Protein backbone atom coordinates (compact mmCIF):
# COMPACT_ATOMS: atom_id res chain seq x y z
CA MET A 1 -3.97 139.66 -8.66
CA PRO A 2 -1.49 138.89 -11.49
CA GLY A 3 0.21 136.43 -10.33
CA LEU A 4 -3.05 134.36 -9.21
CA SER A 5 -3.15 131.41 -11.93
CA ALA A 6 -6.63 130.12 -13.70
CA ARG A 7 -6.92 127.61 -11.51
CA SER A 8 -7.27 129.47 -8.49
CA ARG A 9 -9.43 132.23 -10.02
CA VAL A 10 -12.14 129.42 -10.82
CA PRO A 11 -13.80 130.08 -7.00
CA GLU A 12 -13.88 133.89 -7.92
CA ARG A 13 -15.19 133.37 -11.30
CA VAL A 14 -17.92 130.75 -9.75
CA ALA A 15 -18.95 133.07 -6.61
CA ARG A 16 -19.41 135.84 -9.47
CA PHE A 17 -21.70 133.64 -11.54
CA VAL A 18 -24.03 132.64 -8.66
CA ALA A 19 -24.10 136.40 -7.08
CA GLY A 20 -25.04 137.47 -10.48
CA HIS A 21 -27.81 134.98 -10.68
CA LYS A 22 -29.46 134.74 -7.37
CA TRP A 23 -32.69 136.01 -9.95
CA ALA A 24 -32.84 132.33 -11.06
CA ALA A 25 -33.13 130.60 -7.84
CA GLY A 26 -36.56 131.01 -6.95
CA PRO A 27 -37.98 130.29 -10.65
CA THR A 28 -35.12 127.21 -10.95
CA LEU A 29 -37.17 125.78 -7.73
CA VAL A 30 -40.53 126.28 -8.60
CA SER A 31 -40.29 125.31 -12.39
CA THR A 32 -38.39 122.10 -11.05
CA LEU A 33 -41.22 121.70 -8.51
CA ALA A 34 -43.86 121.61 -11.77
CA SER A 35 -41.77 120.06 -13.63
CA GLY A 36 -41.68 117.05 -10.80
CA ILE A 37 -45.39 117.42 -10.28
CA ALA A 38 -46.02 116.34 -13.86
CA ALA A 39 -43.63 113.30 -13.63
CA ALA A 40 -45.40 111.84 -10.59
CA THR A 41 -48.43 112.74 -12.64
CA THR A 42 -47.46 110.20 -15.13
CA LEU A 43 -46.33 107.78 -12.44
CA VAL A 44 -50.11 108.24 -11.14
CA ILE A 45 -51.58 107.01 -14.17
CA ALA A 46 -48.85 104.65 -14.68
CA ARG A 47 -50.57 102.60 -11.60
CA GLY A 48 -53.95 103.11 -11.73
CA ALA A 49 -54.28 102.52 -15.45
CA GLY A 50 -52.23 99.89 -15.66
CA ALA A 51 -49.98 98.86 -18.00
CA ALA A 52 -51.86 97.90 -20.71
CA ALA A 53 -53.28 101.52 -21.12
CA PHE A 54 -50.13 103.25 -20.36
CA GLY A 55 -48.60 101.23 -23.09
CA ARG A 56 -51.29 103.09 -25.41
CA PHE A 57 -50.91 106.31 -23.53
CA THR A 58 -47.33 106.31 -23.86
CA VAL A 59 -47.57 105.58 -27.98
CA VAL A 60 -49.57 108.31 -28.30
CA LEU A 61 -47.32 110.47 -26.40
CA THR A 62 -44.31 109.15 -28.82
CA ILE A 63 -45.97 110.42 -31.71
CA ALA A 64 -46.84 113.60 -30.31
CA LEU A 65 -42.87 113.63 -29.69
CA VAL A 66 -41.65 113.40 -33.18
CA VAL A 67 -44.59 115.18 -34.53
CA THR A 68 -43.84 118.53 -32.63
CA VAL A 69 -40.56 118.67 -34.40
CA GLY A 70 -41.82 119.00 -37.71
CA MET A 71 -44.84 121.55 -35.88
CA LEU A 72 -42.50 123.36 -34.03
CA THR A 73 -39.13 123.74 -36.58
CA SER A 74 -37.80 124.77 -33.90
CA LEU A 75 -38.73 128.73 -33.49
CA HIS A 76 -38.81 127.97 -29.72
CA TYR A 77 -35.30 128.06 -30.09
CA VAL A 78 -34.81 130.95 -32.01
CA MET A 79 -37.78 133.17 -29.92
CA LEU A 80 -35.07 131.82 -26.89
CA GLN A 81 -32.09 133.81 -28.81
CA GLU A 82 -34.34 136.69 -31.17
CA LEU A 83 -36.41 137.93 -28.32
CA PRO A 84 -34.06 139.28 -25.52
CA ARG A 85 -31.32 140.73 -28.20
CA SER A 86 -34.23 142.96 -29.99
CA LYS A 87 -35.75 145.72 -29.30
CA PRO A 88 -38.79 146.17 -27.88
CA GLU A 89 -40.95 147.36 -30.43
CA ARG A 90 -39.99 144.65 -32.87
CA ARG A 91 -40.97 141.51 -30.61
CA PRO A 92 -44.87 141.74 -31.12
CA ALA A 93 -44.08 140.94 -34.71
CA LEU A 94 -41.31 138.15 -33.86
CA MET A 95 -44.28 136.82 -31.42
CA THR A 96 -46.97 137.23 -33.67
CA THR A 97 -45.07 135.88 -36.93
CA ALA A 98 -43.59 132.81 -35.15
CA LEU A 99 -47.69 131.86 -33.82
CA LEU A 100 -49.43 132.51 -36.93
CA ALA A 101 -46.94 130.54 -38.97
CA THR A 102 -46.90 127.85 -36.37
CA LEU A 103 -50.61 127.62 -36.48
CA VAL A 104 -50.42 126.93 -39.69
CA VAL A 105 -47.95 124.78 -40.41
CA SER A 106 -49.49 122.41 -37.47
CA ALA A 107 -52.40 122.75 -39.23
CA ALA A 108 -51.23 121.14 -42.43
CA LEU A 109 -49.41 118.36 -40.65
CA ALA A 110 -52.06 117.54 -38.68
CA ALA A 111 -54.75 117.36 -41.69
CA LEU A 112 -51.78 115.77 -43.83
CA GLY A 113 -51.28 113.10 -40.97
CA MET A 114 -55.33 112.72 -40.77
CA LEU A 115 -55.23 112.43 -45.21
CA THR A 116 -52.26 110.02 -44.70
CA ALA A 117 -53.69 108.00 -41.76
CA PRO A 118 -54.78 104.39 -43.65
CA LEU A 119 -51.26 104.58 -44.85
CA LEU A 120 -49.66 105.75 -41.32
CA ALA A 121 -51.33 103.90 -39.00
CA PRO A 122 -50.79 100.57 -40.06
CA VAL A 123 -46.97 101.32 -40.25
CA LEU A 124 -46.68 102.93 -36.49
CA ASN A 125 -49.20 99.44 -35.42
CA VAL A 126 -51.60 101.89 -34.10
CA ASP A 127 -55.35 102.52 -34.91
CA GLU A 128 -56.38 105.61 -36.63
CA ARG A 129 -57.96 106.98 -33.52
CA THR A 130 -54.54 106.23 -31.59
CA LEU A 131 -52.84 108.33 -34.57
CA ALA A 132 -55.67 111.65 -34.51
CA TYR A 133 -55.02 111.68 -31.04
CA GLY A 134 -51.36 111.83 -31.09
CA LEU A 135 -51.39 114.68 -34.00
CA ALA A 136 -54.06 116.61 -31.37
CA LEU A 137 -51.26 116.17 -28.58
CA ALA A 138 -48.39 117.22 -30.90
CA ALA A 139 -50.06 120.39 -31.76
CA SER A 140 -50.68 121.26 -28.22
CA MET A 141 -47.33 120.61 -27.42
CA THR A 142 -46.30 122.98 -29.78
CA LEU A 143 -47.83 125.68 -28.92
CA ASN A 144 -47.10 124.94 -25.26
CA GLN A 145 -43.65 125.20 -26.06
CA LEU A 146 -43.70 128.50 -28.19
CA ALA A 147 -46.07 130.01 -26.10
CA GLU A 148 -43.54 129.04 -23.04
CA SER A 149 -40.28 130.58 -25.06
CA PHE A 150 -42.36 134.08 -25.80
CA LEU A 151 -42.38 134.20 -21.88
CA ARG A 152 -38.57 133.22 -21.29
CA GLY A 153 -37.54 135.26 -23.48
CA LEU A 154 -38.96 138.41 -22.66
CA LYS A 155 -37.38 136.97 -19.11
CA ARG A 156 -40.58 136.79 -17.73
CA PHE A 157 -39.35 133.51 -15.08
CA ALA A 158 -41.41 134.23 -12.08
CA PHE A 159 -44.52 134.11 -14.44
CA VAL A 160 -43.47 131.36 -16.53
CA ALA A 161 -42.74 128.93 -13.71
CA GLY A 162 -45.61 129.92 -11.49
CA LEU A 163 -47.98 129.44 -14.48
CA LYS A 164 -46.52 125.62 -14.98
CA LEU A 165 -46.71 124.86 -11.53
CA VAL A 166 -50.56 125.73 -11.27
CA ILE A 167 -50.92 123.55 -14.74
CA ALA A 168 -49.27 120.66 -12.96
CA VAL A 169 -50.66 121.24 -10.21
CA GLY A 170 -54.63 120.75 -12.64
CA TYR A 171 -53.46 118.19 -14.35
CA LEU A 172 -52.48 116.05 -11.53
CA ALA A 173 -55.83 116.95 -9.91
CA ALA A 174 -57.62 116.09 -12.95
CA ALA A 175 -55.73 112.51 -13.11
CA CYS A 176 -56.31 111.66 -9.70
CA PHE A 177 -60.32 112.39 -10.22
CA CYS A 178 -60.09 110.26 -13.16
CA LEU A 179 -58.96 107.13 -11.06
CA LEU A 180 -60.07 107.73 -7.98
CA VAL A 181 -63.49 109.38 -8.15
CA LEU A 182 -64.75 108.05 -11.83
CA GLY A 183 -62.38 104.74 -11.92
CA ILE A 184 -61.19 105.31 -15.93
CA ARG A 185 -58.86 102.82 -16.67
CA ASP A 186 -58.31 103.57 -20.48
CA ALA A 187 -55.58 105.67 -21.92
CA GLU A 188 -58.15 108.26 -23.94
CA PRO A 189 -59.19 110.46 -21.04
CA TYR A 190 -55.60 111.61 -20.07
CA VAL A 191 -54.56 112.19 -23.01
CA VAL A 192 -57.30 114.37 -23.79
CA ALA A 193 -56.59 116.25 -19.95
CA LEU A 194 -52.58 116.49 -21.14
CA ILE A 195 -54.23 118.62 -24.43
CA ALA A 196 -56.36 120.22 -22.29
CA THR A 197 -53.82 121.45 -19.91
CA ASN A 198 -51.16 122.28 -22.69
CA ALA A 199 -53.44 124.43 -24.56
CA THR A 200 -54.57 126.44 -21.59
CA PHE A 201 -51.12 126.99 -20.42
CA ALA A 202 -50.71 128.18 -24.50
CA LEU A 203 -54.04 130.31 -24.42
CA VAL A 204 -52.67 132.34 -20.83
CA ALA A 205 -49.07 132.42 -22.14
CA VAL A 206 -50.32 133.99 -25.32
CA ALA A 207 -52.79 136.68 -23.58
CA ALA A 208 -49.95 138.23 -21.83
CA VAL A 209 -47.66 139.09 -24.32
CA GLU A 210 -48.00 141.37 -27.05
CA VAL A 211 -49.59 139.24 -29.74
CA ARG A 212 -51.29 141.29 -32.58
CA PRO A 213 -51.83 140.18 -35.87
CA PRO A 214 -52.07 142.73 -38.04
CA ALA A 215 -47.88 142.87 -37.28
CA TRP A 216 -47.42 139.21 -39.32
CA SER A 217 -44.59 139.18 -41.72
CA ALA A 218 -44.07 137.11 -44.71
CA ARG A 219 -40.19 138.03 -45.07
CA LEU A 220 -39.86 137.74 -41.18
CA ALA A 221 -41.47 134.70 -40.84
CA ARG A 222 -38.87 133.17 -43.81
CA SER A 223 -36.19 134.52 -41.84
CA LEU A 224 -37.05 132.34 -38.33
CA TYR A 225 -37.24 129.31 -40.20
CA ARG A 226 -33.81 129.66 -41.90
CA HIS A 227 -32.80 130.54 -38.49
CA GLY A 228 -34.21 127.24 -37.29
CA GLY A 229 -32.95 125.56 -39.53
CA TYR A 230 -29.82 123.67 -38.09
CA MET A 231 -32.21 123.22 -34.95
CA THR A 232 -34.67 121.60 -36.81
CA ALA A 233 -32.48 119.15 -38.12
CA ILE A 234 -30.91 117.71 -34.85
CA ALA A 235 -34.49 117.89 -33.36
CA GLY A 236 -35.90 115.74 -36.27
CA LEU A 237 -32.81 113.54 -35.69
CA THR A 238 -32.83 113.19 -32.08
CA GLY A 239 -36.59 113.28 -32.22
CA VAL A 240 -36.91 110.10 -34.27
CA LEU A 241 -33.75 108.16 -32.50
CA PHE A 242 -35.26 108.52 -29.07
CA GLY A 243 -39.07 108.44 -29.77
CA VAL A 244 -38.60 105.03 -32.19
CA ASP A 245 -37.81 102.51 -29.06
CA VAL A 246 -41.37 102.70 -28.43
CA ILE A 247 -42.84 102.35 -32.05
CA PHE A 248 -40.39 99.28 -32.09
CA LEU A 249 -41.79 97.85 -28.73
CA ASN A 250 -45.10 98.36 -29.87
CA HIS A 251 -44.56 96.74 -32.98
CA TRP A 252 -43.17 93.07 -31.57
CA ALA A 253 -44.44 93.21 -27.99
CA ALA A 254 -47.51 93.37 -26.31
CA PRO A 255 -49.20 97.24 -25.40
CA ALA A 256 -48.58 95.71 -21.39
CA ASP A 257 -44.81 95.44 -22.39
CA VAL A 258 -44.58 99.37 -23.61
CA GLY A 259 -45.90 100.34 -20.40
CA VAL A 260 -43.82 98.74 -18.24
CA TYR A 261 -40.75 99.93 -20.33
CA SER A 262 -42.14 103.63 -20.43
CA VAL A 263 -41.87 103.36 -16.75
CA TYR A 264 -38.18 101.67 -16.54
CA ASN A 265 -36.79 103.85 -19.35
CA GLY A 266 -39.36 106.65 -20.14
CA PHE A 267 -40.18 108.32 -16.36
CA PRO A 268 -35.91 107.77 -15.35
CA LYS A 269 -35.25 110.10 -18.80
CA ARG A 270 -38.10 112.46 -18.28
CA LEU A 271 -36.83 112.20 -14.44
CA MET A 272 -33.03 113.63 -15.68
CA GLY A 273 -34.69 115.91 -18.39
CA VAL A 274 -36.02 117.86 -15.48
CA VAL A 275 -33.11 118.25 -13.94
CA PHE A 276 -30.75 119.07 -16.89
CA THR A 277 -33.50 121.48 -18.42
CA ASP A 278 -35.21 123.27 -15.19
CA GLY A 279 -30.95 123.03 -14.02
CA VAL A 280 -28.68 123.45 -16.31
CA GLY A 281 -31.13 125.67 -18.55
CA LEU A 282 -30.80 128.55 -15.91
CA ALA A 283 -27.27 127.89 -14.76
CA LEU A 284 -24.94 126.61 -17.00
CA LEU A 285 -25.92 127.55 -20.22
CA PRO A 286 -24.68 131.12 -20.20
CA MET A 287 -21.97 129.76 -19.11
CA MET A 288 -21.35 127.78 -22.11
CA ALA A 289 -22.28 130.13 -23.95
CA THR A 290 -20.04 132.39 -23.57
CA ALA A 291 -17.13 130.16 -22.88
CA ASP A 292 -13.68 129.39 -24.99
CA LYS A 293 -15.87 126.39 -27.24
CA PRO A 294 -12.29 124.16 -27.82
CA LEU A 295 -11.58 124.73 -24.03
CA LEU A 296 -15.29 123.96 -23.11
CA MET A 297 -15.31 120.47 -25.41
CA ARG A 298 -11.84 119.32 -23.77
CA ARG A 299 -13.31 119.62 -19.98
CA ILE A 300 -16.83 117.89 -21.01
CA ALA A 301 -14.66 114.98 -22.24
CA ARG A 302 -13.21 114.58 -18.93
CA LEU A 303 -16.93 115.19 -16.86
CA VAL A 304 -18.59 113.15 -19.65
CA PRO A 305 -17.29 109.68 -17.43
CA ALA A 306 -18.20 110.72 -14.20
CA VAL A 307 -21.89 112.35 -15.57
CA ALA A 308 -22.42 109.07 -16.62
CA ALA A 309 -21.89 107.15 -13.60
CA VAL A 310 -23.70 110.03 -11.19
CA THR A 311 -26.67 109.93 -13.54
CA ALA A 312 -26.99 105.95 -13.80
CA VAL A 313 -26.65 105.46 -10.23
CA PHE A 314 -28.74 108.17 -9.14
CA ALA A 315 -31.51 106.67 -11.52
CA PHE A 316 -30.63 103.02 -10.13
CA ALA A 317 -31.35 104.53 -6.82
CA ALA A 318 -34.30 106.58 -7.69
CA SER A 319 -35.98 103.55 -9.25
CA THR A 320 -36.33 101.81 -5.66
CA VAL A 321 -38.15 104.53 -4.54
CA PHE A 322 -40.75 104.84 -7.18
CA PHE A 323 -41.17 101.23 -8.06
CA LEU A 324 -42.51 100.79 -4.42
CA LEU A 325 -45.72 103.19 -5.81
CA MET A 326 -45.97 101.16 -8.55
CA GLY A 327 -48.61 97.81 -8.74
CA ASP A 328 -47.87 94.19 -9.96
CA ASP A 329 -48.32 95.36 -13.48
CA TYR A 330 -44.74 96.81 -13.30
CA PRO A 331 -42.71 94.27 -11.22
CA TYR A 332 -39.24 95.31 -10.13
CA ALA A 333 -36.45 93.66 -11.73
CA PRO A 334 -32.63 94.73 -10.66
CA ALA A 335 -31.03 93.70 -13.78
CA LEU A 336 -33.29 95.45 -15.84
CA MET A 337 -33.29 98.46 -13.93
CA GLY A 338 -29.36 98.38 -14.05
CA LEU A 339 -29.61 98.00 -17.88
CA SER A 340 -32.03 100.92 -17.84
CA ALA A 341 -29.70 102.85 -15.49
CA LEU A 342 -26.49 102.03 -17.90
CA GLY A 343 -28.69 103.46 -21.14
CA ILE A 344 -29.96 106.55 -18.81
CA GLY A 345 -26.13 107.46 -17.94
CA ALA A 346 -24.75 107.15 -21.39
CA HIS A 347 -28.42 109.35 -22.89
CA MET A 348 -27.14 112.01 -20.54
CA ALA A 349 -23.25 112.40 -21.13
CA PHE A 350 -24.58 112.33 -25.05
CA ASN A 351 -27.17 115.25 -24.13
CA LEU A 352 -24.32 117.22 -22.34
CA TYR A 353 -22.82 117.18 -25.85
CA SER A 354 -25.21 117.97 -27.88
CA VAL A 355 -25.82 121.18 -25.97
CA ALA A 356 -22.48 122.11 -25.44
CA LEU A 357 -22.46 122.05 -28.96
CA SER A 358 -25.63 123.81 -29.42
CA MET A 359 -24.20 126.71 -27.82
CA ASP A 360 -21.15 126.92 -30.11
CA GLY A 361 -23.75 127.95 -33.12
CA VAL A 362 -23.15 126.73 -36.31
CA ARG A 363 -20.17 125.23 -36.34
CA GLY A 364 -21.68 123.48 -33.60
CA ALA A 365 -24.76 122.55 -35.24
CA LYS A 366 -23.32 121.02 -38.13
CA VAL A 367 -20.69 118.87 -35.78
CA LEU A 368 -23.88 117.22 -33.91
CA ILE A 369 -25.77 116.97 -37.26
CA CYS A 370 -22.68 115.44 -38.72
CA CYS A 371 -22.32 112.69 -35.37
CA LEU A 372 -26.23 111.79 -35.90
CA VAL A 373 -25.85 111.45 -39.72
CA VAL A 374 -23.23 109.41 -39.05
CA GLY A 375 -23.79 107.44 -36.16
CA THR A 376 -28.19 106.94 -36.53
CA PRO A 377 -28.01 104.18 -39.11
CA PHE A 378 -25.96 101.86 -36.47
CA ALA A 379 -28.08 102.83 -33.76
CA LEU A 380 -31.20 102.49 -34.97
CA ALA A 381 -29.93 98.93 -35.96
CA ALA A 382 -28.89 98.08 -33.14
CA LEU A 383 -32.31 99.20 -30.77
CA ALA A 384 -34.43 97.03 -33.80
CA ALA A 385 -32.35 93.88 -33.28
CA CYS A 386 -32.15 94.11 -29.79
CA ILE A 387 -36.22 94.71 -29.53
CA ARG A 388 -37.24 92.25 -31.88
CA TRP A 389 -34.93 89.61 -30.29
CA GLN A 390 -35.86 89.66 -26.49
CA GLY A 391 -38.91 92.37 -26.19
CA LEU A 392 -38.80 94.48 -23.24
CA ALA A 393 -35.10 93.40 -22.05
CA GLY A 394 -34.24 94.05 -25.50
CA GLY A 395 -35.53 97.51 -25.37
CA LEU A 396 -33.40 98.26 -22.61
CA VAL A 397 -30.23 97.25 -23.82
CA GLY A 398 -30.71 98.83 -27.19
CA PHE A 399 -31.28 101.85 -26.15
CA ALA A 400 -27.67 101.47 -24.29
CA VAL A 401 -25.97 100.41 -26.69
CA ALA A 402 -27.78 103.26 -28.97
CA ASN A 403 -26.46 105.98 -26.76
CA LEU A 404 -23.10 104.15 -26.49
CA ILE A 405 -22.59 104.31 -30.26
CA LEU A 406 -23.98 108.47 -30.37
CA LEU A 407 -21.61 109.28 -27.19
CA ALA A 408 -18.34 107.20 -29.25
CA VAL A 409 -19.56 108.99 -32.77
CA VAL A 410 -19.90 112.69 -30.94
CA GLY A 411 -16.76 112.15 -28.84
CA VAL A 412 -14.05 111.45 -30.98
CA THR A 413 -15.58 113.89 -33.68
CA THR A 414 -15.62 117.44 -31.19
CA ALA A 415 -12.04 115.76 -30.45
CA ARG A 416 -10.98 115.96 -33.99
CA VAL A 417 -12.86 119.44 -34.40
CA TYR A 418 -11.94 120.90 -31.46
CA SER A 419 -8.41 119.65 -31.33
CA ARG A 420 -7.69 121.63 -34.58
CA ALA A 421 -9.66 124.30 -33.67
CA MET A 422 -7.07 124.98 -30.33
CA GLU A 423 -3.88 124.56 -33.14
CA GLY A 424 -5.52 127.65 -35.67
CA ALA A 425 -6.39 129.43 -32.90
CA ALA A 426 -2.53 128.86 -31.54
């Protein structure tokens, strides 16, 4: 009705959105369950293998997460954007070009990593074998994410959710077999199992889509890499920023401290990632993509304190549950968990800004990159100083401080940029 205010029309818009996205309910629940099982498997490994072995597992995973940025170069984001709006006859060329280009880049980076291993391994405070496992895991994760983007870009949400669930259950079964039957307390078999499950997912997913090697196009490859350039810069900066804490801790603390830190900080962060990716990814992102961006940023600025507080409370409360399942290698300290919850809350608030800016195309990507360039040196300095000073506890303090710095920079910058945009539009 003409007399209705914008505020009174909000429930109506929400109702229309929910009615139009009922199709997402089943895949979202199954995908969330799969991610939850994968997170639970990490806890099973942490408890069964012990803090020292889990610390080595965490170091390998951290190396892989950072290297994946270079191997993947954000082509999975490009696929999520290009496949839905491309004509059916063009999609095989898109997927084939992305897959073959990624295989070449991944192989080249893995080879370069091994050639420079005598230099890299001492810098990372790991042996060359650990570095090799990190590179292999990165390659498997890269193919996994790219193959998943193929299925999501083709809107095969039910298939990808079911496949993720089967793979997650398989990984949990393999971990339980290694722990309970074989009694393995070393990190390497669990890394190998993770590589195998990632590769299996990628093979099944690629087999389910139209990948045709003759459809490869060098011109299309250049176009795809240009498209993913901004997102790769963002992923590189955030990958280093949110992964270097484990590298610093591995350098200045014992392996067992790395394992304990991963339970205090890494597991809650992954748990929030499940909620953010599987919940926000299918529900909130379409709304963000079509929303008025200056107005969206103003609303996010108002929501940030509540998002941070709710996330911190949830992380702290959840910790009392999963720490009951851990052994004596992981002593529970409410003060340490409080520090972790503070950092996780700030991290989630920063991620909310990050996702919203990513939905604003080139303008949002440039704003986010500028914020990261400005804030990262201060965040890294604070993180390194805290870890060198207090080890495990310092890592939790440093993670919180780093995220608060980034949150302050992105909050101030977006307020200035998008307030000008509103004034210009007016």
